[in-house]
N, C-alpha and C. Protein backbone atom coordinates (compact mmCIF):
# COMPACT_ATOMS: atom_id res chain seq x y z
N UNK A 1 10.21 -28.63 -98.54
CA UNK A 1 11.39 -29.25 -99.12
C UNK A 1 11.76 -30.51 -98.35
N UNK A 2 11.28 -30.67 -97.16
CA UNK A 2 11.54 -31.86 -96.34
C UNK A 2 13.03 -32.20 -96.33
N UNK A 3 13.80 -31.29 -95.81
CA UNK A 3 15.24 -31.50 -95.78
C UNK A 3 15.68 -32.38 -94.62
N UNK A 4 14.81 -32.61 -93.65
CA UNK A 4 15.16 -33.40 -92.47
C UNK A 4 14.13 -34.51 -92.32
N UNK A 5 14.57 -35.72 -92.02
CA UNK A 5 13.64 -36.84 -91.86
C UNK A 5 13.50 -37.21 -90.40
N UNK A 6 12.37 -37.74 -90.06
CA UNK A 6 12.17 -38.21 -88.69
C UNK A 6 12.45 -39.70 -88.58
N UNK A 7 12.32 -40.41 -89.70
CA UNK A 7 12.54 -41.86 -89.66
C UNK A 7 14.01 -42.17 -89.39
N UNK A 8 14.89 -41.53 -90.16
CA UNK A 8 16.32 -41.79 -90.00
C UNK A 8 16.97 -40.84 -89.01
N UNK A 9 16.24 -39.81 -88.62
CA UNK A 9 16.75 -38.76 -87.75
C UNK A 9 18.05 -38.18 -88.30
N UNK A 10 17.92 -37.62 -89.49
CA UNK A 10 19.08 -37.02 -90.12
C UNK A 10 18.69 -36.25 -91.36
N UNK A 11 19.65 -35.64 -92.00
CA UNK A 11 19.36 -34.83 -93.19
C UNK A 11 19.03 -35.70 -94.39
N UNK A 12 18.21 -35.17 -95.27
CA UNK A 12 17.90 -35.85 -96.53
C UNK A 12 18.88 -35.41 -97.60
N UNK A 13 18.62 -35.82 -98.81
CA UNK A 13 19.54 -35.56 -99.91
C UNK A 13 19.73 -34.08 -100.21
N UNK A 14 18.70 -33.28 -100.11
CA UNK A 14 18.79 -31.88 -100.53
C UNK A 14 19.16 -30.95 -99.38
N UNK A 15 19.45 -31.48 -98.22
CA UNK A 15 19.71 -30.64 -97.06
C UNK A 15 20.99 -29.83 -97.23
N UNK A 16 22.11 -30.48 -97.50
CA UNK A 16 23.39 -29.79 -97.59
C UNK A 16 23.45 -28.81 -98.76
N UNK A 17 22.97 -29.14 -99.95
CA UNK A 17 22.96 -28.12 -101.01
C UNK A 17 22.10 -26.91 -100.65
N UNK A 18 20.98 -27.14 -99.97
CA UNK A 18 20.14 -26.02 -99.58
C UNK A 18 20.84 -25.14 -98.56
N UNK A 19 21.45 -25.75 -97.54
CA UNK A 19 22.15 -24.98 -96.52
C UNK A 19 23.32 -24.23 -97.13
N UNK A 20 24.10 -24.89 -97.97
CA UNK A 20 25.23 -24.22 -98.61
C UNK A 20 24.77 -23.10 -99.55
N UNK A 21 23.68 -23.31 -100.26
CA UNK A 21 23.15 -22.26 -101.13
C UNK A 21 22.72 -21.03 -100.34
N UNK A 22 22.03 -21.24 -99.24
CA UNK A 22 21.61 -20.12 -98.38
C UNK A 22 22.84 -19.42 -97.81
N UNK A 23 23.80 -20.21 -97.35
CA UNK A 23 25.04 -19.65 -96.78
C UNK A 23 25.77 -18.80 -97.82
N UNK A 24 25.87 -19.29 -99.06
CA UNK A 24 26.55 -18.54 -100.11
C UNK A 24 25.79 -17.27 -100.48
N UNK A 25 24.45 -17.32 -100.46
CA UNK A 25 23.68 -16.11 -100.75
C UNK A 25 23.89 -15.05 -99.67
N UNK A 26 23.91 -15.47 -98.40
CA UNK A 26 24.16 -14.52 -97.31
C UNK A 26 25.56 -13.93 -97.44
N UNK A 27 26.55 -14.75 -97.73
CA UNK A 27 27.91 -14.24 -97.90
C UNK A 27 28.02 -13.30 -99.09
N UNK A 28 27.30 -13.57 -100.18
CA UNK A 28 27.34 -12.69 -101.34
C UNK A 28 26.74 -11.33 -101.01
N UNK A 29 25.65 -11.31 -100.25
CA UNK A 29 25.04 -10.05 -99.85
C UNK A 29 25.98 -9.28 -98.92
N UNK A 30 26.60 -9.98 -97.96
CA UNK A 30 27.55 -9.32 -97.06
C UNK A 30 28.75 -8.77 -97.82
N UNK A 31 29.24 -9.51 -98.78
CA UNK A 31 30.37 -9.07 -99.59
C UNK A 31 30.00 -7.82 -100.39
N UNK A 32 28.78 -7.82 -100.96
CA UNK A 32 28.31 -6.66 -101.72
C UNK A 32 28.20 -5.44 -100.81
N UNK A 33 27.61 -5.61 -99.62
CA UNK A 33 27.47 -4.49 -98.69
C UNK A 33 28.82 -3.99 -98.20
N UNK A 34 29.75 -4.89 -97.96
CA UNK A 34 31.07 -4.49 -97.53
C UNK A 34 31.79 -3.71 -98.63
N UNK A 35 31.63 -4.12 -99.86
CA UNK A 35 32.25 -3.41 -100.98
C UNK A 35 31.66 -2.03 -101.17
N UNK A 36 30.38 -1.87 -100.90
CA UNK A 36 29.74 -0.56 -101.03
C UNK A 36 30.10 0.37 -99.87
N UNK A 37 30.40 -0.19 -98.69
CA UNK A 37 30.66 0.62 -97.51
C UNK A 37 32.07 1.18 -97.48
N UNK A 38 33.02 0.47 -98.04
CA UNK A 38 34.40 0.95 -98.00
C UNK A 38 34.64 1.92 -99.15
N UNK A 39 35.39 2.98 -98.89
CA UNK A 39 35.68 3.93 -99.98
C UNK A 39 36.56 3.28 -101.04
N UNK A 40 36.31 3.67 -102.26
CA UNK A 40 37.09 3.09 -103.36
C UNK A 40 38.40 3.85 -103.50
N UNK A 41 39.45 3.12 -103.70
CA UNK A 41 40.76 3.70 -103.92
C UNK A 41 41.23 3.31 -105.31
N UNK A 42 42.01 4.16 -105.87
CA UNK A 42 42.60 3.85 -107.16
C UNK A 42 43.84 3.00 -106.92
N UNK A 43 43.73 1.73 -107.16
CA UNK A 43 44.86 0.82 -106.98
C UNK A 43 45.27 0.28 -108.34
N UNK A 44 46.51 -0.09 -108.41
CA UNK A 44 47.00 -0.68 -109.65
C UNK A 44 46.44 -2.07 -109.82
N UNK A 45 46.14 -2.41 -111.04
CA UNK A 45 45.67 -3.75 -111.34
C UNK A 45 46.83 -4.72 -111.17
N UNK A 46 46.50 -5.91 -110.70
CA UNK A 46 47.55 -6.92 -110.55
C UNK A 46 48.03 -7.35 -111.92
N UNK A 47 49.30 -7.59 -112.01
CA UNK A 47 49.84 -8.01 -113.29
C UNK A 47 49.52 -9.50 -113.51
N UNK A 48 49.33 -9.83 -114.75
CA UNK A 48 49.00 -11.20 -115.12
C UNK A 48 50.29 -12.02 -115.17
N UNK A 49 50.32 -13.09 -114.41
CA UNK A 49 51.49 -13.96 -114.37
C UNK A 49 51.18 -15.24 -115.14
N UNK A 50 51.56 -15.25 -116.39
CA UNK A 50 51.27 -16.40 -117.25
C UNK A 50 51.99 -17.66 -116.80
N UNK A 51 53.17 -17.51 -116.23
CA UNK A 51 53.92 -18.68 -115.77
C UNK A 51 53.20 -19.35 -114.61
N UNK A 52 52.63 -18.55 -113.71
CA UNK A 52 51.89 -19.12 -112.57
C UNK A 52 50.65 -19.86 -113.06
N UNK A 53 49.92 -19.26 -113.96
CA UNK A 53 48.71 -19.90 -114.50
C UNK A 53 49.09 -21.17 -115.25
N UNK A 54 50.13 -21.11 -116.05
CA UNK A 54 50.58 -22.30 -116.78
C UNK A 54 51.03 -23.42 -115.86
N UNK A 55 51.72 -23.05 -114.77
CA UNK A 55 52.18 -24.07 -113.81
C UNK A 55 51.00 -24.74 -113.12
N UNK A 56 49.99 -23.97 -112.78
CA UNK A 56 48.81 -24.55 -112.13
C UNK A 56 48.06 -25.47 -113.09
N UNK A 57 47.85 -25.02 -114.31
CA UNK A 57 47.11 -25.84 -115.28
C UNK A 57 47.89 -27.11 -115.61
N UNK A 58 49.19 -27.00 -115.83
CA UNK A 58 49.99 -28.18 -116.12
C UNK A 58 50.01 -29.16 -114.95
N UNK A 59 50.12 -28.63 -113.73
CA UNK A 59 50.13 -29.53 -112.57
C UNK A 59 48.78 -30.20 -112.37
N UNK A 60 47.68 -29.52 -112.70
CA UNK A 60 46.36 -30.14 -112.60
C UNK A 60 46.19 -31.25 -113.65
N UNK A 61 46.73 -31.03 -114.83
CA UNK A 61 46.67 -32.07 -115.88
C UNK A 61 47.49 -33.28 -115.44
N UNK A 62 48.67 -33.03 -114.90
CA UNK A 62 49.51 -34.14 -114.41
C UNK A 62 48.83 -34.86 -113.25
N UNK A 63 48.19 -34.10 -112.36
CA UNK A 63 47.45 -34.72 -111.25
C UNK A 63 46.33 -35.61 -111.76
N UNK A 64 45.57 -35.13 -112.73
CA UNK A 64 44.49 -35.93 -113.29
C UNK A 64 45.01 -37.20 -113.96
N UNK A 65 46.18 -37.10 -114.61
CA UNK A 65 46.76 -38.27 -115.27
C UNK A 65 47.34 -39.25 -114.26
N UNK A 66 47.84 -38.76 -113.12
CA UNK A 66 48.49 -39.62 -112.13
C UNK A 66 47.51 -40.29 -111.18
N UNK A 67 46.31 -39.74 -111.02
CA UNK A 67 45.35 -40.29 -110.05
C UNK A 67 45.05 -41.77 -110.26
N UNK A 68 44.80 -42.25 -111.49
CA UNK A 68 44.49 -43.68 -111.63
C UNK A 68 45.66 -44.60 -111.30
N UNK A 69 46.88 -44.12 -111.47
CA UNK A 69 48.04 -44.98 -111.25
C UNK A 69 48.60 -44.87 -109.83
N UNK A 70 48.76 -43.65 -109.35
CA UNK A 70 49.35 -43.44 -108.04
C UNK A 70 48.33 -43.35 -106.91
N UNK A 71 47.07 -43.19 -107.24
CA UNK A 71 46.03 -43.07 -106.24
C UNK A 71 45.92 -41.64 -105.73
N UNK A 72 44.85 -41.40 -104.97
CA UNK A 72 44.57 -40.05 -104.49
C UNK A 72 45.63 -39.57 -103.52
N UNK A 73 46.00 -40.40 -102.57
CA UNK A 73 46.89 -39.97 -101.49
C UNK A 73 48.24 -39.49 -102.01
N UNK A 74 48.90 -40.30 -102.79
CA UNK A 74 50.24 -39.96 -103.27
C UNK A 74 50.20 -38.83 -104.31
N UNK A 75 49.21 -38.86 -105.19
CA UNK A 75 49.11 -37.83 -106.23
C UNK A 75 48.84 -36.46 -105.63
N UNK A 76 47.89 -36.38 -104.71
CA UNK A 76 47.56 -35.09 -104.12
C UNK A 76 48.69 -34.62 -103.20
N UNK A 77 49.36 -35.55 -102.53
CA UNK A 77 50.51 -35.16 -101.72
C UNK A 77 51.59 -34.51 -102.58
N UNK A 78 51.91 -35.12 -103.72
CA UNK A 78 52.92 -34.55 -104.61
C UNK A 78 52.46 -33.21 -105.19
N UNK A 79 51.19 -33.10 -105.54
CA UNK A 79 50.62 -31.86 -106.06
C UNK A 79 50.73 -30.73 -105.03
N UNK A 80 50.33 -31.02 -103.80
CA UNK A 80 50.39 -30.00 -102.75
C UNK A 80 51.82 -29.64 -102.39
N UNK A 81 52.70 -30.63 -102.35
CA UNK A 81 54.11 -30.34 -102.05
C UNK A 81 54.72 -29.45 -103.12
N UNK A 82 54.38 -29.70 -104.37
CA UNK A 82 54.89 -28.86 -105.46
C UNK A 82 54.44 -27.42 -105.29
N UNK A 83 53.13 -27.24 -105.05
CA UNK A 83 52.61 -25.88 -104.96
C UNK A 83 53.00 -25.18 -103.66
N UNK A 84 53.05 -25.90 -102.57
CA UNK A 84 53.40 -25.26 -101.30
C UNK A 84 54.91 -25.12 -101.13
N UNK A 85 55.64 -26.16 -101.46
CA UNK A 85 57.09 -26.14 -101.24
C UNK A 85 57.87 -25.38 -102.29
N UNK A 86 57.52 -25.58 -103.56
CA UNK A 86 58.29 -24.97 -104.63
C UNK A 86 57.70 -23.66 -105.13
N UNK A 87 56.39 -23.64 -105.39
CA UNK A 87 55.77 -22.43 -105.94
C UNK A 87 55.58 -21.35 -104.88
N UNK A 88 55.02 -21.72 -103.70
CA UNK A 88 54.73 -20.72 -102.67
C UNK A 88 55.90 -20.52 -101.71
N UNK A 89 56.87 -21.41 -101.76
CA UNK A 89 58.07 -21.33 -100.91
C UNK A 89 57.74 -21.28 -99.42
N UNK A 90 56.81 -22.14 -99.04
CA UNK A 90 56.48 -22.30 -97.62
C UNK A 90 57.54 -23.23 -97.03
N UNK A 91 57.82 -23.10 -95.76
CA UNK A 91 58.80 -23.97 -95.11
C UNK A 91 58.45 -25.44 -95.29
N UNK A 92 59.47 -26.28 -95.32
CA UNK A 92 59.26 -27.69 -95.63
C UNK A 92 58.42 -28.41 -94.58
N UNK A 93 58.63 -28.10 -93.33
CA UNK A 93 57.85 -28.78 -92.29
C UNK A 93 56.38 -28.43 -92.43
N UNK A 94 56.08 -27.16 -92.61
CA UNK A 94 54.69 -26.73 -92.77
C UNK A 94 54.09 -27.31 -94.05
N UNK A 95 54.87 -27.35 -95.12
CA UNK A 95 54.38 -27.89 -96.39
C UNK A 95 54.08 -29.38 -96.28
N UNK A 96 54.92 -30.13 -95.57
CA UNK A 96 54.68 -31.57 -95.41
C UNK A 96 53.44 -31.80 -94.55
N UNK A 97 53.28 -31.05 -93.48
CA UNK A 97 52.11 -31.22 -92.61
C UNK A 97 50.82 -30.90 -93.36
N UNK A 98 50.81 -29.79 -94.08
CA UNK A 98 49.61 -29.41 -94.85
C UNK A 98 49.34 -30.42 -95.95
N UNK A 99 50.39 -30.89 -96.61
CA UNK A 99 50.21 -31.87 -97.69
C UNK A 99 49.70 -33.20 -97.16
N UNK A 100 50.20 -33.62 -96.01
CA UNK A 100 49.69 -34.87 -95.42
C UNK A 100 48.22 -34.74 -95.02
N UNK A 101 47.87 -33.61 -94.42
CA UNK A 101 46.47 -33.40 -94.05
C UNK A 101 45.59 -33.30 -95.29
N UNK A 102 46.11 -32.66 -96.32
CA UNK A 102 45.34 -32.49 -97.54
C UNK A 102 45.24 -33.73 -98.39
N UNK A 103 46.12 -34.68 -98.22
CA UNK A 103 46.05 -35.89 -99.03
C UNK A 103 45.54 -37.07 -98.21
N UNK A 104 46.30 -37.48 -97.21
CA UNK A 104 45.92 -38.66 -96.41
C UNK A 104 44.70 -38.35 -95.55
N UNK A 105 44.70 -37.18 -94.91
CA UNK A 105 43.57 -36.82 -94.05
C UNK A 105 42.27 -36.72 -94.81
N UNK A 106 42.30 -36.05 -95.95
CA UNK A 106 41.09 -35.91 -96.76
C UNK A 106 40.66 -37.27 -97.32
N UNK A 107 41.63 -38.11 -97.70
CA UNK A 107 41.29 -39.44 -98.21
C UNK A 107 40.51 -40.23 -97.16
N UNK A 108 41.01 -40.27 -95.93
CA UNK A 108 40.31 -41.03 -94.90
C UNK A 108 39.01 -40.37 -94.47
N UNK A 109 38.94 -39.06 -94.50
CA UNK A 109 37.68 -38.39 -94.20
C UNK A 109 36.61 -38.78 -95.20
N UNK A 110 36.95 -38.74 -96.49
CA UNK A 110 35.97 -39.04 -97.52
C UNK A 110 35.63 -40.53 -97.57
N UNK A 111 36.63 -41.40 -97.40
CA UNK A 111 36.35 -42.83 -97.55
C UNK A 111 35.70 -43.43 -96.32
N UNK A 112 36.12 -43.05 -95.12
CA UNK A 112 35.56 -43.68 -93.92
C UNK A 112 34.36 -42.94 -93.36
N UNK A 113 34.41 -41.63 -93.33
CA UNK A 113 33.31 -40.88 -92.72
C UNK A 113 32.18 -40.64 -93.72
N UNK A 114 32.52 -40.17 -94.91
CA UNK A 114 31.50 -39.82 -95.89
C UNK A 114 31.17 -40.95 -96.87
N UNK A 115 31.93 -42.03 -96.84
CA UNK A 115 31.72 -43.21 -97.70
C UNK A 115 31.72 -42.85 -99.19
N UNK A 116 32.70 -42.03 -99.57
CA UNK A 116 32.90 -41.66 -100.97
C UNK A 116 34.16 -42.36 -101.44
N UNK A 117 34.06 -43.03 -102.57
CA UNK A 117 35.24 -43.74 -103.06
C UNK A 117 36.14 -42.78 -103.83
N UNK A 118 37.40 -42.76 -103.45
CA UNK A 118 38.42 -41.98 -104.14
C UNK A 118 39.39 -42.95 -104.79
N UNK A 119 40.09 -42.54 -105.85
CA UNK A 119 40.97 -43.47 -106.55
C UNK A 119 42.10 -43.98 -105.66
N UNK A 120 42.35 -45.26 -105.78
CA UNK A 120 43.49 -45.88 -105.09
C UNK A 120 44.51 -46.27 -106.15
N UNK A 121 45.73 -46.53 -105.71
CA UNK A 121 46.81 -46.83 -106.65
C UNK A 121 46.57 -48.17 -107.34
N UNK A 122 46.88 -48.22 -108.63
CA UNK A 122 46.78 -49.47 -109.37
C UNK A 122 48.15 -50.09 -109.61
N UNK A 123 49.21 -49.36 -109.35
CA UNK A 123 50.55 -49.92 -109.46
C UNK A 123 50.74 -50.94 -108.34
N UNK A 124 51.27 -52.09 -108.67
CA UNK A 124 51.33 -53.22 -107.73
C UNK A 124 52.04 -52.89 -106.41
N UNK A 125 53.22 -52.29 -106.39
CA UNK A 125 53.87 -52.05 -105.10
C UNK A 125 53.06 -51.09 -104.22
N UNK A 126 52.43 -50.09 -104.83
CA UNK A 126 51.66 -49.13 -104.05
C UNK A 126 50.34 -49.73 -103.57
N UNK A 127 49.70 -50.53 -104.40
CA UNK A 127 48.43 -51.13 -103.97
C UNK A 127 48.63 -52.18 -102.90
N UNK A 128 49.80 -52.81 -102.86
CA UNK A 128 50.07 -53.82 -101.83
C UNK A 128 50.22 -53.19 -100.44
N UNK A 129 50.67 -51.93 -100.38
CA UNK A 129 50.81 -51.30 -99.07
C UNK A 129 49.60 -50.44 -98.72
N UNK A 130 48.57 -50.46 -99.55
CA UNK A 130 47.31 -49.80 -99.21
C UNK A 130 47.22 -48.34 -99.57
N UNK A 131 48.02 -47.90 -100.50
CA UNK A 131 47.93 -46.48 -100.92
C UNK A 131 46.97 -46.36 -102.06
């Protein structure tokens, strides 16, 4: 498969999918064995919460619509704040820290380290300040 090159001294294109595929297969086998080893109990099925599912789907649609205008950083920050602060009722300080890491941190990780382009804001005031 030649997943590693000697010329560039680094992984080739198929390296990460192969490693992740192997990792997922090992985890699936471990999960299966763990499920077989523990005794089965009769537990109640979780109730279906249509409001939760609807809120997630609606917020994902709004996120997809807002990405071209507000950019990745602001859109994902608002998305995470909604789900962490309002839906999950996590404390505001923790929600802001997680949302900042999940939006600004991930944006800079992908754009500077991995060289993947993520949407930036097209609205003039936001694009002028680099969001």
